[in-house]
Amino acid sequence: MSISQVLSATALARTYRELRDHVQALETHLKLDYEAVKADLTARVAHYEAEAARLESVVGADVAALLKRGVRAEEAVAQVAEAAKTAVEDKPNG
């Protein structure tokens, strides 16, 4: 093997190692980003599920109260739905 071939092989090996290290760093970075996004989305889902359960409980109680007062079921649901829609529209984002 000639000197130029040895130098060329050495340069290729160095380039390969640099590229391998760069790819490993990118993989680590992407994994960290993925884990952060996954954690954020998991927390958001838990929050929305809890909020949905709370609203379901409140809406159910409101409908039940209206039904006890003799309001027809369809009208009770419509009244509660309208009140919920108004509350959501009036609620500031955050």
Foldseek 3Di string as FASTA:
>chain_A
DDPVVVVVVVVVVVVVVVVVVVVVVVVVVVVVVVVVVVVVVVVVVVVVVVVVVVVVVVLVVQLVVVVVVVDDSVVSNVVSVVVVVVVVVPDDDD
